[in-house]
Amino acid sequence: METGSVSSDKAIGVSMAFGALAVIGALLMFGGSSQLMKAWGFAAAMITAALCVVAVQLYE
């Protein structure tokens, strides 16, 4: 009897999307015009990086 499994690349795609958003947040953190903008960039980078790790763990 054969057992089959379906592999999905969803983890790679979702993690790449969140990784791209994390890079955009990091760029905003370094290139922001004010302290508030830099703070929002840092928050966006940290949240999307955490979501990237969660996506990899969730889909694998």
PDB file of N, CA and C in Angstrom:
ATOM      1  N   MET A   1       0.837  -1.171   0.000  1.00  0.00           N
ATOM      2  CA  MET A   1       0.000   0.000   0.000  1.00  0.00           C
ATOM      3  C   MET A   1       0.883   1.235   0.000  1.00  0.00           C
ATOM      4  N   GLU A   2       0.563   2.144  -0.853  1.00  0.00           N
ATOM      5  CA  GLU A   2       1.352   3.365  -0.972  1.00  0.00           C
ATOM      6  C   GLU A   2       0.761   4.462  -0.115  1.00  0.00           C
ATOM      7  N   THR A   3       1.645   5.197   0.470  1.00  0.00           N
ATOM      8  CA  THR A   3       1.210   6.420   1.154  1.00  0.00           C
ATOM      9  C   THR A   3       1.826   7.586   0.415  1.00  0.00           C
ATOM     10  N   GLY A   4       1.044   8.574   0.181  1.00  0.00           N
ATOM     11  CA  GLY A   4       1.535   9.732  -0.564  1.00  0.00           C
ATOM     12  C   GLY A   4       1.412  10.996   0.261  1.00  0.00           C
ATOM     13  N   SER A   5       2.245  11.901  -0.059  1.00  0.00           N
ATOM     14  CA  SER A   5       2.159  13.198   0.597  1.00  0.00           C
ATOM     15  C   SER A   5       2.248  14.277  -0.464  1.00  0.00           C
ATOM     16  N   VAL A   6       1.583  15.327  -0.209  1.00  0.00           N
ATOM     17  CA  VAL A   6       1.584  16.451  -1.132  1.00  0.00           C
ATOM     18  C   VAL A   6       2.453  17.539  -0.519  1.00  0.00           C
ATOM     19  N   SER A   7       3.479  17.902  -1.232  1.00  0.00           N
ATOM     20  CA  SER A   7       4.324  18.980  -0.726  1.00  0.00           C
ATOM     21  C   SER A   7       3.869  20.284  -1.368  1.00  0.00           C
ATOM     22  N   SER A   8       3.935  21.311  -0.589  1.00  0.00           N
ATOM     23  CA  SER A   8       3.494  22.611  -1.050  1.00  0.00           C
ATOM     24  C   SER A   8       4.615  23.620  -0.868  1.00  0.00           C
ATOM     25  N   ASP A   9       4.678  24.552  -1.749  1.00  0.00           N
ATOM     26  CA  ASP A   9       5.653  25.627  -1.651  1.00  0.00           C
ATOM     27  C   ASP A   9       5.044  26.872  -1.018  1.00  0.00           C
ATOM     28  N   LYS A  10       3.928  26.681  -0.355  1.00  0.00           N
ATOM     29  CA  LYS A  10       3.250  27.811   0.255  1.00  0.00           C
ATOM     30  C   LYS A  10       4.110  28.456   1.338  1.00  0.00           C
ATOM     31  N   ALA A  11       4.860  27.663   2.079  1.00  0.00           N
ATOM     32  CA  ALA A  11       5.717  28.202   3.143  1.00  0.00           C
ATOM     33  C   ALA A  11       6.786  29.112   2.555  1.00  0.00           C
ATOM     34  N   ILE A  12       7.338  28.709   1.423  1.00  0.00           N
ATOM     35  CA  ILE A  12       8.371  29.533   0.802  1.00  0.00           C
ATOM     36  C   ILE A  12       7.786  30.845   0.288  1.00  0.00           C
ATOM     37  N   GLY A  13       6.652  30.775  -0.363  1.00  0.00           N
ATOM     38  CA  GLY A  13       6.042  31.983  -0.916  1.00  0.00           C
ATOM     39  C   GLY A  13       5.604  32.969   0.142  1.00  0.00           C
ATOM     40  N   VAL A  14       4.955  32.465   1.180  1.00  0.00           N
ATOM     41  CA  VAL A  14       4.480  33.354   2.237  1.00  0.00           C
ATOM     42  C   VAL A  14       5.655  33.952   3.002  1.00  0.00           C
ATOM     43  N   SER A  15       6.676  33.131   3.262  1.00  0.00           N
ATOM     44  CA  SER A  15       7.829  33.658   3.992  1.00  0.00           C
ATOM     45  C   SER A  15       8.606  34.668   3.153  1.00  0.00           C
ATOM     46  N   MET A  16       8.653  34.475   1.835  1.00  0.00           N
ATOM     47  CA  MET A  16       9.311  35.470   0.981  1.00  0.00           C
ATOM     48  C   MET A  16       8.541  36.777   0.953  1.00  0.00           C
ATOM     49  N   ALA A  17       7.219  36.691   0.964  1.00  0.00           N
ATOM     50  CA  ALA A  17       6.408  37.906   0.976  1.00  0.00           C
ATOM     51  C   ALA A  17       6.599  38.672   2.286  1.00  0.00           C
ATOM     52  N   PHE A  18       6.562  37.966   3.413  1.00  0.00           N
ATOM     53  CA  PHE A  18       6.790  38.632   4.687  1.00  0.00           C
ATOM     54  C   PHE A  18       8.229  39.120   4.806  1.00  0.00           C
ATOM     55  N   GLY A  19       9.171  38.391   4.214  1.00  0.00           N
ATOM     56  CA  GLY A  19      10.563  38.833   4.217  1.00  0.00           C
ATOM     57  C   GLY A  19      10.743  40.124   3.441  1.00  0.00           C
ATOM     58  N   ALA A  20      10.062  40.236   2.322  1.00  0.00           N
ATOM     59  CA  ALA A  20      10.132  41.472   1.537  1.00  0.00           C
ATOM     60  C   ALA A  20       9.545  42.643   2.321  1.00  0.00           C
ATOM     61  N   LEU A  21       8.444  42.400   3.018  1.00  0.00           N
ATOM     62  CA  LEU A  21       7.861  43.463   3.838  1.00  0.00           C
ATOM     63  C   LEU A  21       8.783  43.848   4.995  1.00  0.00           C
ATOM     64  N   ALA A  22       9.503  42.875   5.538  1.00  0.00           N
ATOM     65  CA  ALA A  22      10.450  43.166   6.610  1.00  0.00           C
ATOM     66  C   ALA A  22      11.598  44.025   6.094  1.00  0.00           C
ATOM     67  N   VAL A  23      12.049  43.749   4.886  1.00  0.00           N
ATOM     68  CA  VAL A  23      13.121  44.566   4.295  1.00  0.00           C
ATOM     69  C   VAL A  23      12.634  45.983   4.039  1.00  0.00           C
ATOM     70  N   ILE A  24      11.409  46.128   3.572  1.00  0.00           N
ATOM     71  CA  ILE A  24      10.848  47.466   3.362  1.00  0.00           C
ATOM     72  C   ILE A  24      10.744  48.213   4.686  1.00  0.00           C
ATOM     73  N   GLY A  25      10.322  47.523   5.737  1.00  0.00           N
ATOM     74  CA  GLY A  25      10.265  48.150   7.057  1.00  0.00           C
ATOM     75  C   GLY A  25      11.637  48.564   7.555  1.00  0.00           C
ATOM     76  N   ALA A  26      12.655  47.732   7.299  1.00  0.00           N
ATOM     77  CA  ALA A  26      14.022  48.079   7.713  1.00  0.00           C
ATOM     78  C   ALA A  26      14.537  49.282   6.930  1.00  0.00           C
ATOM     79  N   LEU A  27      14.226  49.343   5.639  1.00  0.00           N
ATOM     80  CA  LEU A  27      14.627  50.509   4.858  1.00  0.00           C
ATOM     81  C   LEU A  27      13.945  51.772   5.356  1.00  0.00           C
ATOM     82  N   LEU A  28      12.692  51.640   5.736  1.00  0.00           N
ATOM     83  CA  LEU A  28      11.970  52.776   6.299  1.00  0.00           C
ATOM     84  C   LEU A  28      12.570  53.191   7.639  1.00  0.00           C
ATOM     85  N   MET A  29      13.038  52.202   8.397  1.00  0.00           N
ATOM     86  CA  MET A  29      13.653  52.499   9.686  1.00  0.00           C
ATOM     87  C   MET A  29      14.933  53.308   9.488  1.00  0.00           C
ATOM     88  N   PHE A  30      15.735  52.962   8.509  1.00  0.00           N
ATOM     89  CA  PHE A  30      16.990  53.678   8.295  1.00  0.00           C
ATOM     90  C   PHE A  30      16.804  54.972   7.512  1.00  0.00           C
ATOM     91  N   GLY A  31      15.811  55.030   6.655  1.00  0.00           N
ATOM     92  CA  GLY A  31      15.643  56.203   5.802  1.00  0.00           C
ATOM     93  C   GLY A  31      14.491  57.105   6.191  1.00  0.00           C
ATOM     94  N   GLY A  32      13.903  56.866   7.345  1.00  0.00           N
ATOM     95  CA  GLY A  32      12.768  57.677   7.763  1.00  0.00           C
ATOM     96  C   GLY A  32      13.160  59.108   8.062  1.00  0.00           C
ATOM     97  N   SER A  33      12.236  60.012   7.824  1.00  0.00           N
ATOM     98  CA  SER A  33      12.537  61.431   7.996  1.00  0.00           C
ATOM     99  C   SER A  33      12.451  61.885   9.446  1.00  0.00           C
ATOM    100  N   SER A  34      11.659  61.202  10.249  1.00  0.00           N
ATOM    101  CA  SER A  34      11.512  61.607  11.651  1.00  0.00           C
ATOM    102  C   SER A  34      11.663  60.386  12.556  1.00  0.00           C
ATOM    103  N   GLN A  35      11.767  60.634  13.828  1.00  0.00           N
ATOM    104  CA  GLN A  35      11.885  59.540  14.793  1.00  0.00           C
ATOM    105  C   GLN A  35      10.637  58.663  14.790  1.00  0.00           C
ATOM    106  N   LEU A  36       9.483  59.282  14.610  1.00  0.00           N
ATOM    107  CA  LEU A  36       8.233  58.530  14.576  1.00  0.00           C
ATOM    108  C   LEU A  36       8.191  57.601  13.363  1.00  0.00           C
ATOM    109  N   MET A  37       8.642  58.096  12.212  1.00  0.00           N
ATOM    110  CA  MET A  37       8.667  57.266  11.007  1.00  0.00           C
ATOM    111  C   MET A  37       9.656  56.117  11.170  1.00  0.00           C
ATOM    112  N   LYS A  38      10.793  56.375  11.787  1.00  0.00           N
ATOM    113  CA  LYS A  38      11.778  55.318  12.027  1.00  0.00           C
ATOM    114  C   LYS A  38      11.233  54.282  13.000  1.00  0.00           C
ATOM    115  N   ALA A  39      10.475  54.720  13.990  1.00  0.00           N
ATOM    116  CA  ALA A  39       9.869  53.800  14.950  1.00  0.00           C
ATOM    117  C   ALA A  39       8.839  52.901  14.268  1.00  0.00           C
ATOM    118  N   TRP A  40       8.032  53.467  13.384  1.00  0.00           N
ATOM    119  CA  TRP A  40       7.062  52.657  12.654  1.00  0.00           C
ATOM    120  C   TRP A  40       7.756  51.680  11.713  1.00  0.00           C
ATOM    121  N   GLY A  41       8.876  52.091  11.126  1.00  0.00           N
ATOM    122  CA  GLY A  41       9.646  51.181  10.279  1.00  0.00           C
ATOM    123  C   GLY A  41      10.198  50.012  11.073  1.00  0.00           C
ATOM    124  N   PHE A  42      10.707  50.293  12.278  1.00  0.00           N
ATOM    125  CA  PHE A  42      11.209  49.231  13.144  1.00  0.00           C
ATOM    126  C   PHE A  42      10.088  48.281  13.542  1.00  0.00           C
ATOM    127  N   ALA A  43       8.938  48.833  13.889  1.00  0.00           N
ATOM    128  CA  ALA A  43       7.795  47.993  14.277  1.00  0.00           C
ATOM    129  C   ALA A  43       7.353  47.113  13.111  1.00  0.00           C
ATOM    130  N   ALA A  44       7.299  47.679  11.922  1.00  0.00           N
ATOM    131  CA  ALA A  44       6.896  46.904  10.750  1.00  0.00           C
ATOM    132  C   ALA A  44       7.907  45.796  10.454  1.00  0.00           C
ATOM    133  N   ALA A  45       9.192  46.112  10.585  1.00  0.00           N
ATOM    134  CA  ALA A  45      10.223  45.102  10.323  1.00  0.00           C
ATOM    135  C   ALA A  45      10.144  43.963  11.336  1.00  0.00           C
ATOM    136  N   MET A  46       9.948  44.267  12.589  1.00  0.00           N
ATOM    137  CA  MET A  46       9.907  43.232  13.618  1.00  0.00           C
ATOM    138  C   MET A  46       8.652  42.364  13.510  1.00  0.00           C
ATOM    139  N   ILE A  47       7.524  42.990  13.259  1.00  0.00           N
ATOM    140  CA  ILE A  47       6.270  42.236  13.163  1.00  0.00           C
ATOM    141  C   ILE A  47       6.272  41.329  11.942  1.00  0.00           C
ATOM    142  N   THR A  48       6.703  41.852  10.801  1.00  0.00           N
ATOM    143  CA  THR A  48       6.696  41.017   9.600  1.00  0.00           C
ATOM    144  C   THR A  48       7.777  39.941   9.655  1.00  0.00           C
ATOM    145  N   ALA A  49       8.882  40.201  10.321  1.00  0.00           N
ATOM    146  CA  ALA A  49       9.891  39.146  10.491  1.00  0.00           C
ATOM    147  C   ALA A  49       9.346  38.024  11.373  1.00  0.00           C
ATOM    148  N   ALA A  50       8.631  38.381  12.421  1.00  0.00           N
ATOM    149  CA  ALA A  50       8.024  37.360  13.272  1.00  0.00           C
ATOM    150  C   ALA A  50       6.965  36.569  12.503  1.00  0.00           C
ATOM    151  N   LEU A  51       6.181  37.238  11.684  1.00  0.00           N
ATOM    152  CA  LEU A  51       5.182  36.549  10.873  1.00  0.00           C
ATOM    153  C   LEU A  51       5.822  35.640   9.829  1.00  0.00           C
ATOM    154  N   CYS A  52       7.001  36.018   9.363  1.00  0.00           N
ATOM    155  CA  CYS A  52       7.740  35.168   8.431  1.00  0.00           C
ATOM    156  C   CYS A  52       8.117  33.847   9.092  1.00  0.00           C
ATOM    157  N   VAL A  53       8.592  33.914  10.316  1.00  0.00           N
ATOM    158  CA  VAL A  53       8.961  32.699  11.041  1.00  0.00           C
ATOM    159  C   VAL A  53       7.715  31.863  11.337  1.00  0.00           C
ATOM    160  N   VAL A  54       6.632  32.506  11.703  1.00  0.00           N
ATOM    161  CA  VAL A  54       5.380  31.787  11.993  1.00  0.00           C
ATOM    162  C   VAL A  54       4.865  31.095  10.731  1.00  0.00           C
ATOM    163  N   ALA A  55       4.970  31.747   9.598  1.00  0.00           N
ATOM    164  CA  ALA A  55       4.486  31.157   8.341  1.00  0.00           C
ATOM    165  C   ALA A  55       5.283  29.897   7.993  1.00  0.00           C
ATOM    166  N   VAL A  56       6.598  29.944   8.184  1.00  0.00           N
ATOM    167  CA  VAL A  56       7.420  28.765   7.897  1.00  0.00           C
ATOM    168  C   VAL A  56       7.032  27.617   8.827  1.00  0.00           C
ATOM    169  N   GLN A  57       6.827  27.917  10.102  1.00  0.00           N
ATOM    170  CA  GLN A  57       6.483  26.864  11.065  1.00  0.00           C
ATOM    171  C   GLN A  57       5.061  26.338  10.819  1.00  0.00           C
ATOM    172  N   LEU A  58       4.176  27.191  10.378  1.00  0.00           N
ATOM    173  CA  LEU A  58       2.785  26.804  10.189  1.00  0.00           C
ATOM    174  C   LEU A  58       2.606  25.898   8.968  1.00  0.00           C
ATOM    175  N   TYR A  59       3.292  26.185   7.888  1.00  0.00           N
ATOM    176  CA  TYR A  59       3.079  25.446   6.657  1.00  0.00           C
ATOM    177  C   TYR A  59       4.030  24.269   6.470  1.00  0.00           C
ATOM    178  N   GLU A  60       4.920  24.021   7.399  1.00  0.00           N
ATOM    179  CA  GLU A  60       5.800  22.856   7.259  1.00  0.00           C
ATOM    180  C   GLU A  60       5.515  21.804   8.258  1.00  0.00           C
TER     181      GLU A  60
END
